[in-house]
Amino acid sequence: MRKIYLVLLVTILSYASSFGQKGNNQIGVGADILIPTSDFGTYFKTGLGGYVKALLGAGNSGQVSFTLGYTGFNAAGRFPMKMGFAPLLIGYRANFNGFYLEPQIGYCLINAKFDGGDEFGYMTDSGGGFMWAAGIGYVVNKQFELGARYQSTTNQGNNFGTFGLRLGYNFSLSASKSK
């Protein structure tokens, strides 16, 4: 799975750098705090994670986005379980004077780990499912980003919805234009 992420990240970075003279091209990195909702929130605590995002300029006020990330969740109470979400999302960011709207769709890899000690043993399971997200935010000086979003993924009939807060930094890939 890590090799897939590495190949995808190198491909996105190579693709993004080849469009240095069109639009506003950036690579963003940052941290996520995801709060589980509905039944998922009953059994799991707030998750912490990070992301890498390629933002490829599409005209004067839009960007196509590619997001890779990972967020881990610990079970609430004394239940010895952990879950991890690794989304692979594509979206479109519409920019409005610092504010943005960003719908995304894609796939989310899900892994679960249960450590029941000597009595139940150690078990893991993994899978994945369709994911969608809708985000809003504000970018200061085209670099510092503060955002909020709702995202949801479905796996084997289970819905995992989360409300997220994001803090990030966007590095510019645009080449300077000579006069």
Protein backbone atom coordinates (compact mmCIF):
# COMPACT_ATOMS: atom_id res chain seq x y z
CA MET A 1 0.00 0.00 0.00
CA ARG A 2 2.84 2.43 0.76
CA LYS A 3 4.32 1.77 -2.69
CA ILE A 4 1.00 2.75 -4.27
CA TYR A 5 1.02 6.02 -2.29
CA LEU A 6 4.61 6.75 -3.29
CA VAL A 7 3.99 6.10 -6.99
CA LEU A 8 0.80 8.19 -6.93
CA LEU A 9 2.53 11.06 -5.09
CA VAL A 10 5.50 11.10 -7.52
CA THR A 11 3.09 11.05 -10.48
CA ILE A 12 1.05 13.95 -9.09
CA LEU A 13 4.16 15.99 -8.29
CA SER A 14 5.62 15.37 -11.75
CA TYR A 15 2.32 16.26 -13.40
CA ALA A 16 1.89 19.38 -11.24
CA SER A 17 5.38 20.70 -11.93
CA SER A 18 4.89 20.34 -15.70
CA PHE A 19 2.09 22.95 -15.52
CA GLY A 20 4.15 25.62 -13.78
CA GLN A 21 3.09 28.38 -16.17
CA LYS A 22 -0.72 27.83 -16.02
CA GLY A 23 -2.98 28.81 -13.12
CA ASN A 24 -2.04 28.53 -9.47
CA ASN A 25 -0.24 25.20 -8.89
CA GLN A 26 0.56 24.19 -5.31
CA ILE A 27 1.43 21.30 -3.04
CA GLY A 28 -0.27 21.44 0.34
CA VAL A 29 0.59 19.64 3.56
CA GLY A 30 -1.16 19.79 6.88
CA ALA A 31 -2.89 18.26 9.85
CA ASP A 32 -6.46 17.01 10.25
CA ILE A 33 -8.69 16.58 13.28
CA LEU A 34 -11.68 14.37 12.43
CA ILE A 35 -14.68 14.03 14.74
CA PRO A 36 -16.70 10.83 14.10
CA THR A 37 -20.45 11.31 13.69
CA SER A 38 -23.51 9.04 14.18
CA ASP A 39 -22.80 5.42 15.18
CA PHE A 40 -19.13 5.79 14.30
CA GLY A 41 -18.90 8.56 16.92
CA THR A 42 -20.46 6.29 19.52
CA TYR A 43 -17.60 3.82 19.31
CA PHE A 44 -14.55 5.91 18.34
CA LYS A 45 -12.80 9.02 19.64
CA THR A 46 -11.66 12.04 17.65
CA GLY A 47 -8.98 11.10 15.10
CA LEU A 48 -5.72 12.85 14.24
CA GLY A 49 -3.95 12.70 10.92
CA GLY A 50 -2.22 14.44 8.09
CA TYR A 51 -2.49 14.94 4.36
CA VAL A 52 -0.63 15.87 1.19
CA LYS A 53 -2.56 17.62 -1.56
CA ALA A 54 -1.72 18.65 -5.12
CA LEU A 55 -3.65 21.71 -6.34
CA LEU A 56 -3.43 22.18 -10.10
CA GLY A 57 -4.52 25.51 -11.55
CA ALA A 58 -7.63 25.40 -13.73
CA GLY A 59 -8.22 28.95 -14.92
CA ASN A 60 -7.99 32.07 -12.79
CA SER A 61 -10.01 30.97 -9.76
CA GLY A 62 -10.11 27.18 -9.73
CA GLN A 63 -7.87 24.25 -8.95
CA VAL A 64 -8.21 20.50 -9.46
CA SER A 65 -7.19 18.76 -6.23
CA PHE A 66 -5.65 15.36 -5.53
CA THR A 67 -5.52 14.42 -1.83
CA LEU A 68 -3.71 11.61 -0.01
CA GLY A 69 -3.91 11.31 3.75
CA TYR A 70 -4.11 9.13 6.82
CA THR A 71 -6.12 9.53 10.02
CA GLY A 72 -6.09 7.17 13.00
CA PHE A 73 -8.95 6.64 15.45
CA ASN A 74 -8.89 4.92 18.86
CA ALA A 75 -11.95 3.19 20.23
CA ALA A 76 -13.96 4.95 22.93
CA GLY A 77 -14.04 3.34 26.36
CA ARG A 78 -11.94 0.27 27.10
CA PHE A 79 -12.55 -1.45 23.78
CA PRO A 80 -9.04 -2.34 22.44
CA MET A 81 -9.52 -1.36 18.79
CA LYS A 82 -7.96 1.15 16.38
CA MET A 83 -9.08 2.20 12.91
CA GLY A 84 -7.25 4.05 10.18
CA PHE A 85 -8.59 5.86 7.11
CA ALA A 86 -6.40 6.56 4.08
CA PRO A 87 -8.38 8.59 1.51
CA LEU A 88 -7.41 9.00 -2.14
CA LEU A 89 -9.57 11.89 -3.38
CA ILE A 90 -9.96 14.05 -6.47
CA GLY A 91 -11.89 17.29 -6.36
CA TYR A 92 -12.32 20.82 -7.60
CA ARG A 93 -11.53 23.87 -5.48
CA ALA A 94 -13.40 27.04 -6.40
CA ASN A 95 -11.58 30.07 -4.94
CA PHE A 96 -13.37 33.31 -3.97
CA ASN A 97 -11.00 36.02 -2.62
CA GLY A 98 -9.36 33.74 -0.07
CA PHE A 99 -12.43 31.61 0.63
CA TYR A 100 -12.91 28.27 -1.11
CA LEU A 101 -15.45 25.51 -1.69
CA GLU A 102 -14.12 22.03 -2.45
CA PRO A 103 -16.23 18.96 -3.24
CA GLN A 104 -14.26 15.69 -3.57
CA ILE A 105 -14.87 12.05 -4.43
CA GLY A 106 -12.65 8.99 -4.34
CA TYR A 107 -11.73 5.85 -2.49
CA CYS A 108 -10.82 5.31 1.15
CA LEU A 109 -8.64 2.47 2.40
CA ILE A 110 -9.78 1.34 5.86
CA ASN A 111 -7.84 -0.78 8.31
CA ALA A 112 -8.88 -2.03 11.74
CA LYS A 113 -6.72 -3.51 14.51
CA PHE A 114 -8.02 -5.34 17.54
CA ASP A 115 -5.69 -6.27 20.41
CA GLY A 116 -7.60 -8.53 22.78
CA GLY A 117 -4.50 -9.61 24.70
CA ASP A 118 -4.03 -13.24 25.74
CA GLU A 119 -7.76 -13.90 25.91
CA PHE A 120 -8.79 -12.87 22.37
CA GLY A 121 -5.50 -12.37 20.51
CA TYR A 122 -4.55 -9.80 17.90
CA MET A 123 -6.62 -9.39 14.73
CA THR A 124 -6.48 -7.06 11.74
CA ASP A 125 -8.87 -6.40 8.88
CA SER A 126 -8.72 -4.08 5.93
CA GLY A 127 -10.96 -2.98 3.11
CA GLY A 128 -12.14 0.15 1.46
CA GLY A 129 -15.04 1.99 -0.04
CA PHE A 130 -16.32 4.98 -1.94
CA MET A 131 -15.71 8.31 -0.19
CA TRP A 132 -17.11 11.78 -0.73
CA ALA A 133 -16.28 15.04 1.01
CA ALA A 134 -17.48 18.63 0.94
CA GLY A 135 -15.22 21.34 2.34
CA ILE A 136 -15.05 25.07 2.90
CA GLY A 137 -12.16 27.15 4.08
CA TYR A 138 -10.02 30.23 3.94
CA VAL A 139 -6.47 30.65 2.59
CA VAL A 140 -4.28 33.53 3.86
CA ASN A 141 -1.64 34.90 1.44
CA LYS A 142 -2.24 31.90 -0.87
CA GLN A 143 -0.32 29.75 1.65
CA PHE A 144 -1.85 29.18 5.10
CA GLU A 145 -5.10 27.25 4.99
CA LEU A 146 -7.83 26.75 7.58
CA GLY A 147 -10.74 24.55 6.53
CA ALA A 148 -13.70 22.48 7.65
CA ARG A 149 -15.40 19.60 5.89
CA TYR A 150 -17.75 16.69 6.18
CA GLN A 151 -16.69 13.39 4.69
CA SER A 152 -18.29 9.99 4.50
CA THR A 153 -17.21 6.55 3.36
CA THR A 154 -19.13 3.30 3.16
CA ASN A 155 -17.74 -0.19 3.66
CA GLN A 156 -19.78 -3.42 3.85
CA GLY A 157 -22.97 -1.55 4.66
CA ASN A 158 -21.35 0.58 7.38
CA ASN A 159 -21.20 4.35 7.03
CA PHE A 160 -18.24 6.18 8.55
CA GLY A 161 -19.02 9.91 8.63
CA THR A 162 -16.72 12.52 10.11
CA PHE A 163 -16.61 16.28 10.53
CA GLY A 164 -13.08 17.58 10.05
CA LEU A 165 -10.95 20.62 10.76
CA ARG A 166 -7.79 21.20 8.76
CA LEU A 167 -4.74 23.43 9.15
CA GLY A 168 -2.27 23.45 6.29
CA TYR A 169 0.42 25.19 4.31
CA ASN A 170 0.50 25.37 0.51
CA PHE A 171 3.82 25.58 -1.37
CA SER A 172 3.68 27.31 -4.76
CA LEU A 173 4.84 25.37 -7.82
CA SER A 174 4.21 28.17 -10.31
CA ALA A 175 7.21 29.31 -12.28
CA SER A 176 7.88 33.03 -12.33
CA LYS A 177 6.82 34.62 -15.56
CA SER A 178 9.35 36.84 -17.31
CA LYS A 179 8.19 40.16 -18.81
